[in-house]
Full PDB file with SEQRES, HELIX, SHEET, SSBOND, CRYST1, ORIGX, SCALE, CONECT and MASTER records, all heavy atoms in Angstrom:
SEQRES   1 A   41  ALA ASP TYR PRO ASN ARG HIS ILE ALA LYS THR ILE GLY          
SEQRES   2 A   41  ALA ILE THR VAL SER VAL ASP TYR ARG LEU ALA PRO ALA          
SEQRES   3 A   41  HIS PRO PHE PRO ALA ALA ARG ASP ASP CYS PHE THR VAL          
SEQRES   4 A   41  ALA ARG                                                      
HELIX    1 AA1 ASP A    2  ILE A   12  1                                  11    
HELIX    2 AA2 ALA A   31  ALA A   40  1                                  10    
CRYST1    1.000    1.000    1.000  90.00  90.00  90.00 P 1           1          
ORIGX1      1.000000  0.000000  0.000000        0.00000                         
ORIGX2      0.000000  1.000000  0.000000        0.00000                         
ORIGX3      0.000000  0.000000  1.000000        0.00000                         
SCALE1      1.000000  0.000000  0.000000        0.00000                         
SCALE2      0.000000  1.000000  0.000000        0.00000                         
SCALE3      0.000000  0.000000  1.000000        0.00000                         
ATOM      1  N   ALA A   1      31.494   2.204 -13.080  1.00  0.00           N  
ATOM      2  CA  ALA A   1      31.293   2.254 -14.528  1.00  0.00           C  
ATOM      3  C   ALA A   1      31.470   3.659 -15.092  1.00  0.00           C  
ATOM      4  O   ALA A   1      31.250   3.870 -16.287  1.00  0.00           O  
ATOM      5  CB  ALA A   1      29.908   1.720 -14.885  1.00  0.00           C  
ATOM      6  N   ASP A   2      31.880   4.619 -14.267  1.00  0.00           N  
ATOM      7  CA  ASP A   2      32.014   5.989 -14.758  1.00  0.00           C  
ATOM      8  C   ASP A   2      32.959   6.081 -15.959  1.00  0.00           C  
ATOM      9  O   ASP A   2      32.664   6.771 -16.944  1.00  0.00           O  
ATOM     10  CB  ASP A   2      32.535   6.911 -13.653  1.00  0.00           C  
ATOM     11  CG  ASP A   2      31.446   7.363 -12.690  1.00  0.00           C  
ATOM     12  OD1 ASP A   2      30.267   7.014 -12.899  1.00  0.00           O  
ATOM     13  OD2 ASP A   2      31.791   8.076 -11.721  1.00  0.00           O  
ATOM     14  N   TYR A   3      34.103   5.415 -15.879  1.00  0.00           N  
ATOM     15  CA  TYR A   3      35.101   5.548 -16.950  1.00  0.00           C  
ATOM     16  C   TYR A   3      34.575   5.005 -18.276  1.00  0.00           C  
ATOM     17  O   TYR A   3      34.571   5.732 -19.288  1.00  0.00           O  
ATOM     18  CB  TYR A   3      36.408   4.878 -16.535  1.00  0.00           C  
ATOM     19  CG  TYR A   3      37.529   5.066 -17.520  1.00  0.00           C  
ATOM     20  CD1 TYR A   3      37.918   6.340 -17.919  1.00  0.00           C  
ATOM     21  CD2 TYR A   3      38.220   3.970 -18.040  1.00  0.00           C  
ATOM     22  CE1 TYR A   3      38.958   6.516 -18.818  1.00  0.00           C  
ATOM     23  CE2 TYR A   3      39.257   4.144 -18.934  1.00  0.00           C  
ATOM     24  CZ  TYR A   3      39.626   5.417 -19.332  1.00  0.00           C  
ATOM     25  OH  TYR A   3      40.656   5.591 -20.226  1.00  0.00           O  
ATOM     26  N   PRO A   4      34.115   3.754 -18.345  1.00  0.00           N  
ATOM     27  CA  PRO A   4      33.581   3.285 -19.633  1.00  0.00           C  
ATOM     28  C   PRO A   4      32.325   4.033 -20.070  1.00  0.00           C  
ATOM     29  O   PRO A   4      32.119   4.268 -21.265  1.00  0.00           O  
ATOM     30  CB  PRO A   4      33.304   1.800 -19.390  1.00  0.00           C  
ATOM     31  CG  PRO A   4      33.246   1.640 -17.915  1.00  0.00           C  
ATOM     32  CD  PRO A   4      34.166   2.662 -17.350  1.00  0.00           C  
ATOM     33  N   ASN A   5      31.490   4.420 -19.127  1.00  0.00           N  
ATOM     34  CA  ASN A   5      30.282   5.151 -19.508  1.00  0.00           C  
ATOM     35  C   ASN A   5      30.612   6.554 -20.012  1.00  0.00           C  
ATOM     36  O   ASN A   5      29.947   7.064 -20.922  1.00  0.00           O  
ATOM     37  CB  ASN A   5      29.315   5.218 -18.335  1.00  0.00           C  
ATOM     38  CG  ASN A   5      28.573   3.905 -18.126  1.00  0.00           C  
ATOM     39  OD1 ASN A   5      28.578   3.033 -18.994  1.00  0.00           O  
ATOM     40  ND2 ASN A   5      27.933   3.760 -16.987  1.00  0.00           N  
ATOM     41  N   ARG A   6      31.630   7.160 -19.437  1.00  0.00           N  
ATOM     42  CA  ARG A   6      32.048   8.479 -19.940  1.00  0.00           C  
ATOM     43  C   ARG A   6      32.541   8.350 -21.383  1.00  0.00           C  
ATOM     44  O   ARG A   6      32.290   9.232 -22.222  1.00  0.00           O  
ATOM     45  CB  ARG A   6      33.129   9.054 -19.026  1.00  0.00           C  
ATOM     46  CG  ARG A   6      33.527  10.474 -19.374  1.00  0.00           C  
ATOM     47  CD  ARG A   6      34.438  11.071 -18.309  1.00  0.00           C  
ATOM     48  NE  ARG A   6      33.689  11.352 -17.083  1.00  0.00           N  
ATOM     49  CZ  ARG A   6      33.902  10.745 -15.936  1.00  0.00           C  
ATOM     50  NH1 ARG A   6      34.808   9.782 -15.835  1.00  0.00           N  
ATOM     51  NH2 ARG A   6      33.187  11.056 -14.866  1.00  0.00           N  
ATOM     52  N   HIS A   7      33.222   7.270 -21.677  1.00  0.00           N  
ATOM     53  CA  HIS A   7      33.707   7.045 -23.044  1.00  0.00           C  
ATOM     54  C   HIS A   7      32.526   6.869 -24.000  1.00  0.00           C  
ATOM     55  O   HIS A   7      32.543   7.386 -25.126  1.00  0.00           O  
ATOM     56  CB  HIS A   7      34.616   5.818 -23.085  1.00  0.00           C  
ATOM     57  CG  HIS A   7      35.311   5.629 -24.388  1.00  0.00           C  
ATOM     58  ND1 HIS A   7      36.270   6.495 -24.859  1.00  0.00           N  
ATOM     59  CD2 HIS A   7      35.168   4.678 -25.353  1.00  0.00           C  
ATOM     60  CE1 HIS A   7      36.707   6.083 -26.043  1.00  0.00           C  
ATOM     61  NE2 HIS A   7      36.053   4.990 -26.361  1.00  0.00           N  
ATOM     62  N   ILE A   8      31.496   6.153 -23.563  1.00  0.00           N  
ATOM     63  CA  ILE A   8      30.298   5.990 -24.390  1.00  0.00           C  
ATOM     64  C   ILE A   8      29.621   7.334 -24.623  1.00  0.00           C  
ATOM     65  O   ILE A   8      29.213   7.662 -25.750  1.00  0.00           O  
ATOM     66  CB  ILE A   8      29.333   4.981 -23.731  1.00  0.00           C  
ATOM     67  CG1 ILE A   8      29.892   3.561 -23.851  1.00  0.00           C  
ATOM     68  CG2 ILE A   8      27.944   5.061 -24.351  1.00  0.00           C  
ATOM     69  CD1 ILE A   8      29.112   2.523 -23.094  1.00  0.00           C  
ATOM     70  N   ALA A   9      29.513   8.134 -23.572  1.00  0.00           N  
ATOM     71  CA  ALA A   9      28.889   9.456 -23.716  1.00  0.00           C  
ATOM     72  C   ALA A   9      29.678  10.323 -24.688  1.00  0.00           C  
ATOM     73  O   ALA A   9      29.095  11.054 -25.508  1.00  0.00           O  
ATOM     74  CB  ALA A   9      28.783  10.129 -22.357  1.00  0.00           C  
ATOM     75  N   LYS A  10      31.002  10.235 -24.619  1.00  0.00           N  
ATOM     76  CA  LYS A  10      31.851  11.091 -25.450  1.00  0.00           C  
ATOM     77  C   LYS A  10      31.879  10.636 -26.895  1.00  0.00           C  
ATOM     78  O   LYS A  10      31.807  11.460 -27.821  1.00  0.00           O  
ATOM     79  CB  LYS A  10      33.272  11.100 -24.876  1.00  0.00           C  
ATOM     80  CG  LYS A  10      34.220  12.062 -25.580  1.00  0.00           C  
ATOM     81  CD  LYS A  10      35.563  12.099 -24.881  1.00  0.00           C  
ATOM     82  CE  LYS A  10      36.514  13.069 -25.577  1.00  0.00           C  
ATOM     83  NZ  LYS A  10      37.830  13.129 -24.894  1.00  0.00           N  
ATOM     84  N   THR A  11      31.981   9.321 -27.146  1.00  0.00           N  
ATOM     85  CA  THR A  11      32.167   8.834 -28.510  1.00  0.00           C  
ATOM     86  C   THR A  11      30.864   8.553 -29.240  1.00  0.00           C  
ATOM     87  O   THR A  11      30.792   8.708 -30.461  1.00  0.00           O  
ATOM     88  CB  THR A  11      33.026   7.556 -28.514  1.00  0.00           C  
ATOM     89  OG1 THR A  11      32.376   6.534 -27.740  1.00  0.00           O  
ATOM     90  CG2 THR A  11      34.406   7.832 -27.932  1.00  0.00           C  
ATOM     91  N   ILE A  12      29.840   8.144 -28.502  1.00  0.00           N  
ATOM     92  CA  ILE A  12      28.555   7.801 -29.127  1.00  0.00           C  
ATOM     93  C   ILE A  12      27.572   8.950 -29.001  1.00  0.00           C  
ATOM     94  O   ILE A  12      26.658   9.092 -29.808  1.00  0.00           O  
ATOM     95  CB  ILE A  12      27.979   6.515 -28.492  1.00  0.00           C  
ATOM     96  CG1 ILE A  12      28.916   5.324 -28.757  1.00  0.00           C  
ATOM     97  CG2 ILE A  12      26.577   6.215 -29.017  1.00  0.00           C  
ATOM     98  CD1 ILE A  12      28.493   4.053 -28.058  1.00  0.00           C  
ATOM     99  N   GLY A  13      27.752   9.782 -27.987  1.00  0.00           N  
ATOM    100  CA  GLY A  13      26.818  10.865 -27.761  1.00  0.00           C  
ATOM    101  C   GLY A  13      25.580  10.451 -27.007  1.00  0.00           C  
ATOM    102  O   GLY A  13      24.544  11.112 -27.085  1.00  0.00           O  
ATOM    103  N   ALA A  14      25.677   9.353 -26.271  1.00  0.00           N  
ATOM    104  CA  ALA A  14      24.535   8.868 -25.493  1.00  0.00           C  
ATOM    105  C   ALA A  14      24.628   9.368 -24.056  1.00  0.00           C  
ATOM    106  O   ALA A  14      25.717   9.467 -23.484  1.00  0.00           O  
ATOM    107  CB  ALA A  14      24.487   7.347 -25.498  1.00  0.00           C  
ATOM    108  N   ILE A  15      23.481   9.675 -23.475  1.00  0.00           N  
ATOM    109  CA  ILE A  15      23.403   9.873 -22.027  1.00  0.00           C  
ATOM    110  C   ILE A  15      23.505   8.498 -21.376  1.00  0.00           C  
ATOM    111  O   ILE A  15      22.793   7.570 -21.771  1.00  0.00           O  
ATOM    112  CB  ILE A  15      22.080  10.536 -21.637  1.00  0.00           C  
ATOM    113  CG1 ILE A  15      22.029  11.981 -22.134  1.00  0.00           C  
ATOM    114  CG2 ILE A  15      21.859  10.500 -20.131  1.00  0.00           C  
ATOM    115  CD1 ILE A  15      20.701  12.643 -21.932  1.00  0.00           C  
ATOM    116  N   THR A  16      24.395   8.349 -20.411  1.00  0.00           N  
ATOM    117  CA  THR A  16      24.497   7.074 -19.715  1.00  0.00           C  
ATOM    118  C   THR A  16      23.881   7.204 -18.327  1.00  0.00           C  
ATOM    119  O   THR A  16      24.098   8.195 -17.627  1.00  0.00           O  
ATOM    120  CB  THR A  16      25.949   6.590 -19.593  1.00  0.00           C  
ATOM    121  OG1 THR A  16      26.688   7.466 -18.734  1.00  0.00           O  
ATOM    122  CG2 THR A  16      26.614   6.545 -20.966  1.00  0.00           C  
ATOM    123  N   VAL A  17      23.106   6.209 -17.970  1.00  0.00           N  
ATOM    124  CA  VAL A  17      22.465   6.140 -16.655  1.00  0.00           C  
ATOM    125  C   VAL A  17      22.849   4.799 -16.044  1.00  0.00           C  
ATOM    126  O   VAL A  17      22.509   3.743 -16.584  1.00  0.00           O  
ATOM    127  CB  VAL A  17      20.934   6.261 -16.755  1.00  0.00           C  
ATOM    128  CG1 VAL A  17      20.299   6.179 -15.369  1.00  0.00           C  
ATOM    129  CG2 VAL A  17      20.527   7.555 -17.465  1.00  0.00           C  
ATOM    130  N   SER A  18      23.588   4.836 -14.946  1.00  0.00           N  
ATOM    131  CA  SER A  18      24.016   3.600 -14.281  1.00  0.00           C  
ATOM    132  C   SER A  18      23.342   3.524 -12.914  1.00  0.00           C  
ATOM    133  O   SER A  18      23.295   4.507 -12.178  1.00  0.00           O  
ATOM    134  CB  SER A  18      25.535   3.571 -14.124  1.00  0.00           C  
ATOM    135  OG  SER A  18      25.982   2.286 -13.732  1.00  0.00           O  
ATOM    136  N   VAL A  19      22.840   2.337 -12.589  1.00  0.00           N  
ATOM    137  CA  VAL A  19      21.959   2.174 -11.437  1.00  0.00           C  
ATOM    138  C   VAL A  19      22.723   1.623 -10.227  1.00  0.00           C  
ATOM    139  O   VAL A  19      23.403   0.606 -10.320  1.00  0.00           O  
ATOM    140  CB  VAL A  19      20.784   1.221 -11.782  1.00  0.00           C  
ATOM    141  CG1 VAL A  19      19.841   1.072 -10.586  1.00  0.00           C  
ATOM    142  CG2 VAL A  19      20.027   1.736 -13.007  1.00  0.00           C  
ATOM    143  N   ASP A  20      22.577   2.305  -9.092  1.00  0.00           N  
ATOM    144  CA  ASP A  20      23.121   1.808  -7.820  1.00  0.00           C  
ATOM    145  C   ASP A  20      22.053   0.978  -7.119  1.00  0.00           C  
ATOM    146  O   ASP A  20      21.465   1.409  -6.119  1.00  0.00           O  
ATOM    147  CB  ASP A  20      23.552   2.979  -6.931  1.00  0.00           C  
ATOM    148  CG  ASP A  20      25.057   3.128  -6.853  1.00  0.00           C  
ATOM    149  OD1 ASP A  20      25.763   2.103  -6.908  1.00  0.00           O  
ATOM    150  OD2 ASP A  20      25.526   4.274  -6.752  1.00  0.00           O  
ATOM    151  N   TYR A  21      21.808  -0.199  -7.654  1.00  0.00           N  
ATOM    152  CA  TYR A  21      20.771  -1.057  -7.104  1.00  0.00           C  
ATOM    153  C   TYR A  21      21.191  -1.631  -5.742  1.00  0.00           C  
ATOM    154  O   TYR A  21      22.379  -1.694  -5.400  1.00  0.00           O  
ATOM    155  CB  TYR A  21      20.436  -2.187  -8.079  1.00  0.00           C  
ATOM    156  CG  TYR A  21      21.622  -3.020  -8.546  1.00  0.00           C  
ATOM    157  CD1 TYR A  21      22.128  -4.061  -7.773  1.00  0.00           C  
ATOM    158  CD2 TYR A  21      22.227  -2.770  -9.781  1.00  0.00           C  
ATOM    159  CE1 TYR A  21      23.190  -4.831  -8.194  1.00  0.00           C  
ATOM    160  CE2 TYR A  21      23.293  -3.535 -10.220  1.00  0.00           C  
ATOM    161  CZ  TYR A  21      23.776  -4.557  -9.426  1.00  0.00           C  
ATOM    162  OH  TYR A  21      24.842  -5.307  -9.848  1.00  0.00           O  
ATOM    163  N   ARG A  22      20.206  -2.047  -4.965  1.00  0.00           N  
ATOM    164  CA  ARG A  22      20.477  -2.619  -3.640  1.00  0.00           C  
ATOM    165  C   ARG A  22      21.205  -3.956  -3.768  1.00  0.00           C  
ATOM    166  O   ARG A  22      20.970  -4.704  -4.721  1.00  0.00           O  
ATOM    167  CB  ARG A  22      19.165  -2.800  -2.875  1.00  0.00           C  
ATOM    168  CG  ARG A  22      18.525  -1.498  -2.415  1.00  0.00           C  
ATOM    169  CD  ARG A  22      17.123  -1.735  -1.893  1.00  0.00           C  
ATOM    170  NE  ARG A  22      16.204  -2.094  -2.978  1.00  0.00           N  
ATOM    171  CZ  ARG A  22      14.955  -2.521  -2.794  1.00  0.00           C  
ATOM    172  NH1 ARG A  22      14.481  -2.686  -1.557  1.00  0.00           N  
ATOM    173  NH2 ARG A  22      14.190  -2.804  -3.831  1.00  0.00           N  
ATOM    174  N   LEU A  23      22.075  -4.225  -2.800  1.00  0.00           N  
ATOM    175  CA  LEU A  23      22.926  -5.403  -2.858  1.00  0.00           C  
ATOM    176  C   LEU A  23      22.533  -6.442  -1.811  1.00  0.00           C  
ATOM    177  O   LEU A  23      22.066  -6.105  -0.718  1.00  0.00           O  
ATOM    178  CB  LEU A  23      24.389  -5.002  -2.637  1.00  0.00           C  
ATOM    179  CG  LEU A  23      24.988  -4.017  -3.663  1.00  0.00           C  
ATOM    180  CD1 LEU A  23      26.398  -3.622  -3.232  1.00  0.00           C  
ATOM    181  CD2 LEU A  23      25.005  -4.619  -5.063  1.00  0.00           C  
ATOM    182  N   ALA A  24      22.751  -7.712  -2.148  1.00  0.00           N  
ATOM    183  CA  ALA A  24      22.627  -8.816  -1.211  1.00  0.00           C  
ATOM    184  C   ALA A  24      23.910  -8.869  -0.358  1.00  0.00           C  
ATOM    185  O   ALA A  24      24.947  -8.344  -0.769  1.00  0.00           O  
ATOM    186  CB  ALA A  24      22.416 -10.112  -1.987  1.00  0.00           C  
ATOM    187  N   PRO A  25      23.873  -9.507   0.802  1.00  0.00           N  
ATOM    188  CA  PRO A  25      22.742 -10.247   1.380  1.00  0.00           C  
ATOM    189  C   PRO A  25      21.717  -9.387   2.108  1.00  0.00           C  
ATOM    190  O   PRO A  25      20.654  -9.874   2.463  1.00  0.00           O  
ATOM    191  CB  PRO A  25      23.433 -11.202   2.350  1.00  0.00           C  
ATOM    192  CG  PRO A  25      24.652 -10.453   2.789  1.00  0.00           C  
ATOM    193  CD  PRO A  25      25.115  -9.687   1.596  1.00  0.00           C  
ATOM    194  N   ALA A  26      22.036  -8.108   2.328  1.00  0.00           N  
ATOM    195  CA  ALA A  26      21.065  -7.261   3.034  1.00  0.00           C  
ATOM    196  C   ALA A  26      19.762  -7.144   2.250  1.00  0.00           C  
ATOM    197  O   ALA A  26      18.682  -7.045   2.834  1.00  0.00           O  
ATOM    198  CB  ALA A  26      21.665  -5.877   3.273  1.00  0.00           C  
ATOM    199  N   HIS A  27      19.884  -7.188   0.929  1.00  0.00           N  
ATOM    200  CA  HIS A  27      18.710  -7.039   0.070  1.00  0.00           C  
ATOM    201  C   HIS A  27      18.731  -8.139  -0.993  1.00  0.00           C  
ATOM    202  O   HIS A  27      19.206  -7.922  -2.107  1.00  0.00           O  
ATOM    203  CB  HIS A  27      18.706  -5.666  -0.597  1.00  0.00           C  
ATOM    204  CG  HIS A  27      18.759  -4.519   0.367  1.00  0.00           C  
ATOM    205  ND1 HIS A  27      17.666  -4.114   1.096  1.00  0.00           N  
ATOM    206  CD2 HIS A  27      19.789  -3.713   0.732  1.00  0.00           C  
ATOM    207  CE1 HIS A  27      18.003  -3.095   1.863  1.00  0.00           C  
ATOM    208  NE2 HIS A  27      19.281  -2.838   1.669  1.00  0.00           N  
ATOM    209  N   PRO A  28      18.238  -9.336  -0.658  1.00  0.00           N  
ATOM    210  CA  PRO A  28      18.260 -10.427  -1.637  1.00  0.00           C  
ATOM    211  C   PRO A  28      17.265 -10.201  -2.770  1.00  0.00           C  
ATOM    212  O   PRO A  28      16.479  -9.245  -2.753  1.00  0.00           O  
ATOM    213  CB  PRO A  28      17.882 -11.652  -0.795  1.00  0.00           C  
ATOM    214  CG  PRO A  28      17.088 -11.098   0.346  1.00  0.00           C  
ATOM    215  CD  PRO A  28      17.679  -9.744   0.636  1.00  0.00           C  
ATOM    216  N   PHE A  29      17.330 -11.080  -3.768  1.00  0.00           N  
ATOM    217  CA  PHE A  29      16.399 -11.025  -4.892  1.00  0.00           C  
ATOM    218  C   PHE A  29      14.960 -10.994  -4.373  1.00  0.00           C  
ATOM    219  O   PHE A  29      14.643 -11.703  -3.425  1.00  0.00           O  
ATOM    220  CB  PHE A  29      16.600 -12.282  -5.763  1.00  0.00           C  
ATOM    221  CG  PHE A  29      15.700 -12.360  -6.959  1.00  0.00           C  
ATOM    222  CD1 PHE A  29      16.032 -11.718  -8.139  1.00  0.00           C  
ATOM    223  CD2 PHE A  29      14.519 -13.083  -6.906  1.00  0.00           C  
ATOM    224  CE1 PHE A  29      15.206 -11.789  -9.241  1.00  0.00           C  
ATOM    225  CE2 PHE A  29      13.679 -13.156  -8.005  1.00  0.00           C  
ATOM    226  CZ  PHE A  29      14.031 -12.504  -9.178  1.00  0.00           C  
ATOM    227  N   PRO A  30      14.104 -10.128  -4.935  1.00  0.00           N  
ATOM    228  CA  PRO A  30      14.246  -9.401  -6.203  1.00  0.00           C  
ATOM    229  C   PRO A  30      14.631  -7.938  -6.068  1.00  0.00           C  
ATOM    230  O   PRO A  30      14.337  -7.139  -6.971  1.00  0.00           O  
ATOM    231  CB  PRO A  30      12.842  -9.524  -6.783  1.00  0.00           C  
ATOM    232  CG  PRO A  30      11.947  -9.428  -5.581  1.00  0.00           C  
ATOM    233  CD  PRO A  30      12.697 -10.144  -4.474  1.00  0.00           C  
ATOM    234  N   ALA A  31      15.307  -7.534  -4.978  1.00  0.00           N  
ATOM    235  CA  ALA A  31      15.565  -6.112  -4.745  1.00  0.00           C  
ATOM    236  C   ALA A  31      16.340  -5.473  -5.895  1.00  0.00           C  
ATOM    237  O   ALA A  31      15.954  -4.410  -6.400  1.00  0.00           O  
ATOM    238  CB  ALA A  31      16.325  -5.937  -3.430  1.00  0.00           C  
ATOM    239  N   ALA A  32      17.445  -6.087  -6.317  1.00  0.00           N  
ATOM    240  CA  ALA A  32      18.263  -5.504  -7.385  1.00  0.00           C  
ATOM    241  C   ALA A  32      17.467  -5.397  -8.684  1.00  0.00           C  
ATOM    242  O   ALA A  32      17.481  -4.369  -9.359  1.00  0.00           O  
ATOM    243  CB  ALA A  32      19.516  -6.342  -7.600  1.00  0.00           C  
ATOM    244  N   ARG A  33      16.774  -6.469  -9.021  1.00  0.00           N  
ATOM    245  CA  ARG A  33      15.970  -6.456 -10.249  1.00  0.00           C  
ATOM    246  C   ARG A  33      14.916  -5.364 -10.190  1.00  0.00           C  
ATOM    247  O   ARG A  33      14.700  -4.644 -11.171  1.00  0.00           O  
ATOM    248  CB  ARG A  33      15.304  -7.815 -10.462  1.00  0.00           C  
ATOM    249  CG  ARG A  33      14.477  -7.905 -11.742  1.00  0.00           C  
ATOM    250  CD  ARG A  33      13.466  -9.026 -11.677  1.00  0.00           C  
ATOM    251  NE  ARG A  33      12.453  -8.775 -10.632  1.00  0.00           N  
ATOM    252  CZ  ARG A  33      11.479  -9.641 -10.340  1.00  0.00           C  
ATOM    253  NH1 ARG A  33      11.401 -10.792 -10.976  1.00  0.00           N  
ATOM    254  NH2 ARG A  33      10.602  -9.348  -9.389  1.00  0.00           N  
ATOM    255  N   ASP A  34      14.250  -5.234  -9.061  1.00  0.00           N  
ATOM    256  CA  ASP A  34      13.175  -4.256  -8.954  1.00  0.00           C  
ATOM    257  C   ASP A  34      13.699  -2.827  -9.054  1.00  0.00           C  
ATOM    258  O   ASP A  34      13.048  -1.962  -9.655  1.00  0.00           O  
ATOM    259  CB  ASP A  34      12.416  -4.463  -7.644  1.00  0.00           C  
ATOM    260  CG  ASP A  34      11.599  -5.750  -7.644  1.00  0.00           C  
ATOM    261  OD1 ASP A  34      11.479  -6.383  -8.713  1.00  0.00           O  
ATOM    262  OD2 ASP A  34      11.088  -6.116  -6.565  1.00  0.00           O  
ATOM    263  N   ASP A  35      14.870  -2.558  -8.470  1.00  0.00           N  
ATOM    264  CA  ASP A  35      15.465  -1.226  -8.600  1.00  0.00           C  
ATOM    265  C   ASP A  35      15.779  -0.914 -10.063  1.00  0.00           C  
ATOM    266  O   ASP A  35      15.503   0.199 -10.552  1.00  0.00           O  
ATOM    267  CB  ASP A  35      16.745  -1.130  -7.774  1.00  0.00           C  
ATOM    268  CG  ASP A  35      16.479  -1.067  -6.282  1.00  0.00           C  
ATOM    269  OD1 ASP A  35      15.306  -0.911  -5.880  1.00  0.00           O  
ATOM    270  OD2 ASP A  35      17.453  -1.173  -5.512  1.00  0.00           O  
ATOM    271  N   CYS A  36      16.360  -1.879 -10.757  1.00  0.00           N  
ATOM    272  CA  CYS A  36      16.719  -1.671 -12.167  1.00  0.00           C  
ATOM    273  C   CYS A  36      15.468  -1.497 -13.024  1.00  0.00           C  
ATOM    274  O   CYS A  36      15.429  -0.648 -13.929  1.00  0.00           O  
ATOM    275  CB  CYS A  36      17.553  -2.845 -12.662  1.00  0.00           C  
ATOM    276  SG  CYS A  36      19.191  -2.965 -11.890  1.00  0.00           S  
ATOM    277  N   PHE A  37      14.433  -2.261 -12.729  1.00  0.00           N  
ATOM    278  CA  PHE A  37      13.168  -2.128 -13.467  1.00  0.00           C  
ATOM    279  C   PHE A  37      12.558  -0.749 -13.230  1.00  0.00           C  
ATOM    280  O   PHE A  37      12.041  -0.123 -14.171  1.00  0.00           O  
ATOM    281  CB  PHE A  37      12.186  -3.214 -13.039  1.00  0.00           C  
ATOM    282  CG  PHE A  37      10.800  -3.023 -13.598  1.00  0.00           C  
ATOM    283  CD1 PHE A  37      10.512  -3.384 -14.904  1.00  0.00           C  
ATOM    284  CD2 PHE A  37       9.791  -2.486 -12.812  1.00  0.00           C  
ATOM    285  CE1 PHE A  37       9.232  -3.193 -15.428  1.00  0.00           C  
ATOM    286  CE2 PHE A  37       8.516  -2.290 -13.323  1.00  0.00           C  
ATOM    287  CZ  PHE A  37       8.234  -2.647 -14.638  1.00  0.00           C  
ATOM    288  N   THR A  38      12.592  -0.277 -11.992  1.00  0.00           N  
ATOM    289  CA  THR A  38      12.022   1.035 -11.668  1.00  0.00           C  
ATOM    290  C   THR A  38      12.661   2.130 -12.521  1.00  0.00           C  
ATOM    291  O   THR A  38      11.965   2.996 -13.072  1.00  0.00           O  
ATOM    292  CB  THR A  38      12.224   1.348 -10.175  1.00  0.00           C  
ATOM    293  OG1 THR A  38      11.454   0.426  -9.399  1.00  0.00           O  
ATOM    294  CG2 THR A  38      11.789   2.762  -9.835  1.00  0.00           C  
ATOM    295  N   VAL A  39      13.986   2.086 -12.650  1.00  0.00           N  
ATOM    296  CA  VAL A  39      14.680   3.106 -13.442  1.00  0.00           C  
ATOM    297  C   VAL A  39      14.360   2.943 -14.927  1.00  0.00           C  
ATOM    298  O   VAL A  39      14.113   3.932 -15.634  1.00  0.00           O  
ATOM    299  CB  VAL A  39      16.190   3.043 -13.189  1.00  0.00           C  
ATOM    300  CG1 VAL A  39      16.937   4.026 -14.095  1.00  0.00           C  
ATOM    301  CG2 VAL A  39      16.499   3.341 -11.723  1.00  0.00           C  
ATOM    302  N   ALA A  40      14.357   1.703 -15.420  1.00  0.00           N  
ATOM    303  CA  ALA A  40      14.048   1.473 -16.835  1.00  0.00           C  
ATOM    304  C   ALA A  40      12.653   1.970 -17.182  1.00  0.00           C  
ATOM    305  O   ALA A  40      12.437   2.641 -18.208  1.00  0.00           O  
ATOM    306  CB  ALA A  40      14.177  -0.012 -17.163  1.00  0.00           C  
ATOM    307  N   ARG A  41      11.685   1.653 -16.337  1.00  0.00           N  
ATOM    308  CA  ARG A  41      10.307   2.078 -16.584  1.00  0.00           C  
ATOM    309  C   ARG A  41      10.205   3.604 -16.589  1.00  0.00           C  
ATOM    310  O   ARG A  41       9.519   4.193 -17.435  1.00  0.00           O  
ATOM    311  CB  ARG A  41       9.419   1.489 -15.494  1.00  0.00           C  
ATOM    312  CG  ARG A  41       7.950   1.810 -15.552  1.00  0.00           C  
ATOM    313  CD  ARG A  41       7.231   1.062 -16.641  1.00  0.00           C  
ATOM    314  NE  ARG A  41       7.054   1.859 -17.836  1.00  0.00           N  
ATOM    315  CZ  ARG A  41       6.364   1.476 -18.893  1.00  0.00           C  
ATOM    316  NH1 ARG A  41       5.797   0.283 -18.909  1.00  0.00           N  
ATOM    317  NH2 ARG A  41       6.253   2.248 -19.944  1.00  0.00           N  
TER     318      ARG A  41                                                      
MASTER        0    0    0    2    0    0    0    6  317    1    0    4          
END                                                                             
């Protein structure tokens, strides 16, 4: 998501934060959700 997020940062002036959450099948639900929640919180 670097390319579209860089465009958002440049045109909107927002800091973009993209999450490298854990992936299945090594890490099934709720691992991805919990990683994303941790960053949001």
